[in-house]
Amino acid sequence: MRSKVVFADEKLKKEFKKLKELKETELFRQLIKAFKNLEENAFCGIQIPKRLIPKEYEKRFGLITNLWKYNLPDAWRLIYTIKNDKINVLSIILDWMDHKEYERRFRY
């Protein structure tokens, strides 16, 4: 199912733009590739069980009814949620992190 990729907030959007400026070009390229894949299929990631949704995300972004991860190279993870705004399916980017941070946040 096709979707429109958006950032959950302006802060995250600015962090994404900084990646390119800070010469984090490989991570930036991989995120661009992930966004393109999400535009083609919002469900291409792996769904995270509802019981594992961190309370931190609900505090920052409001009610999260579904959470997905997209595995990036070098053990990075892209975290997103899928919503429907009556016209489009939205893949809302919430976060990206390395594997160590992912394990800590999701208590694996």
Protein backbone atom coordinates (compact mmCIF):
# COMPACT_ATOMS: atom_id res chain seq x y z
CA MET A 1 0.00 0.00 0.00
CA ARG A 2 1.49 3.33 -1.08
CA SER A 3 1.98 6.03 1.51
CA LYS A 4 3.19 9.55 2.01
CA VAL A 5 6.23 9.82 4.29
CA VAL A 6 6.18 12.65 6.83
CA PHE A 7 8.13 13.51 9.97
CA ALA A 8 6.34 13.43 13.30
CA ASP A 9 7.66 16.87 14.25
CA GLU A 10 9.89 19.72 13.07
CA LYS A 11 12.70 18.74 15.44
CA LEU A 12 13.08 15.37 13.74
CA LYS A 13 12.94 16.99 10.31
CA LYS A 14 15.79 19.33 11.31
CA GLU A 15 17.84 16.39 12.64
CA PHE A 16 17.41 14.67 9.28
CA LYS A 17 18.66 17.75 7.41
CA LYS A 18 21.64 17.99 9.79
CA LEU A 19 22.76 14.49 8.80
CA LYS A 20 23.64 15.71 5.35
CA GLU A 21 25.36 18.83 6.68
CA LEU A 22 27.38 16.81 9.22
CA LYS A 23 28.69 14.53 6.48
CA GLU A 24 26.65 11.59 7.80
CA THR A 25 25.97 10.91 4.16
CA GLU A 26 25.72 7.11 4.36
CA LEU A 27 23.01 7.19 7.04
CA PHE A 28 21.32 10.03 5.13
CA ARG A 29 21.35 7.96 1.91
CA GLN A 30 19.98 4.91 3.69
CA LEU A 31 17.16 6.94 5.22
CA ILE A 32 16.27 8.35 1.79
CA LYS A 33 16.17 4.80 0.43
CA ALA A 34 13.97 3.69 3.36
CA PHE A 35 11.59 6.63 2.76
CA LYS A 36 11.25 5.63 -0.89
CA ASN A 37 10.49 2.04 0.11
CA LEU A 38 7.87 3.25 2.60
CA GLU A 39 6.27 5.39 -0.11
CA GLU A 40 5.89 2.24 -2.20
CA ASN A 41 4.68 0.05 0.67
CA ALA A 42 3.91 1.43 4.14
CA PHE A 43 3.93 -2.12 5.52
CA CYS A 44 7.43 -3.06 4.33
CA GLY A 45 8.81 -2.79 7.87
CA ILE A 46 8.36 -5.15 10.80
CA GLN A 47 5.46 -4.49 13.15
CA ILE A 48 6.42 -4.06 16.80
CA PRO A 49 3.99 -5.67 19.27
CA LYS A 50 1.72 -3.13 20.97
CA ARG A 51 2.91 -4.17 24.42
CA LEU A 52 6.42 -3.06 23.47
CA ILE A 53 5.50 0.48 22.33
CA PRO A 54 7.59 2.75 24.57
CA LYS A 55 5.57 5.14 26.74
CA GLU A 56 8.09 7.79 25.69
CA TYR A 57 6.61 7.81 22.18
CA GLU A 58 3.08 8.28 23.46
CA LYS A 59 4.27 11.18 25.64
CA ARG A 60 6.05 12.83 22.70
CA PHE A 61 3.60 12.10 19.88
CA GLY A 62 0.24 11.23 21.45
CA LEU A 63 -1.61 7.95 21.08
CA ILE A 64 0.36 5.44 19.02
CA THR A 65 -1.81 2.49 17.94
CA ASN A 66 0.83 0.79 15.78
CA LEU A 67 4.59 0.92 15.57
CA TRP A 68 6.92 -0.38 12.88
CA LYS A 69 10.66 -0.73 12.48
CA TYR A 70 12.61 -0.68 9.27
CA ASN A 71 16.05 -2.24 9.50
CA LEU A 72 18.80 -0.05 8.06
CA PRO A 73 22.41 -1.12 7.34
CA ASP A 74 24.97 -1.17 10.15
CA ALA A 75 22.27 -2.14 12.68
CA TRP A 76 20.43 1.20 12.54
CA ARG A 77 16.65 1.20 12.97
CA LEU A 78 13.99 3.54 11.59
CA ILE A 79 10.86 3.73 13.75
CA TYR A 80 7.55 4.82 12.25
CA THR A 81 3.80 4.57 12.65
CA ILE A 82 1.11 4.29 9.99
CA LYS A 83 -1.99 6.47 9.98
CA ASN A 84 -4.78 7.21 7.54
CA ASP A 85 -5.82 10.86 7.03
CA LYS A 86 -8.90 9.97 4.91
CA ILE A 87 -7.07 10.86 1.69
CA ASN A 88 -3.60 9.34 2.12
CA VAL A 89 -1.94 6.61 4.11
CA LEU A 90 0.84 8.28 6.10
CA SER A 91 4.09 6.70 7.22
CA ILE A 92 5.03 8.99 10.09
CA ILE A 93 8.73 8.90 10.96
CA LEU A 94 9.20 8.98 14.73
CA ASP A 95 12.87 8.16 15.22
CA TRP A 96 16.01 6.45 13.98
CA MET A 97 18.69 5.00 16.20
CA ASP A 98 21.56 2.57 16.34
CA HIS A 99 21.01 -0.98 17.54
CA LYS A 100 22.29 -0.32 21.07
CA GLU A 101 19.80 2.52 21.57
CA TYR A 102 17.04 0.39 19.99
CA GLU A 103 17.65 -2.45 22.44
CA ARG A 104 17.67 -0.03 25.38
CA ARG A 105 14.48 1.75 24.34
CA PHE A 106 12.53 -1.43 23.55
CA ARG A 107 14.05 -3.41 26.47
CA TYR A 108 15.34 -6.32 24.45
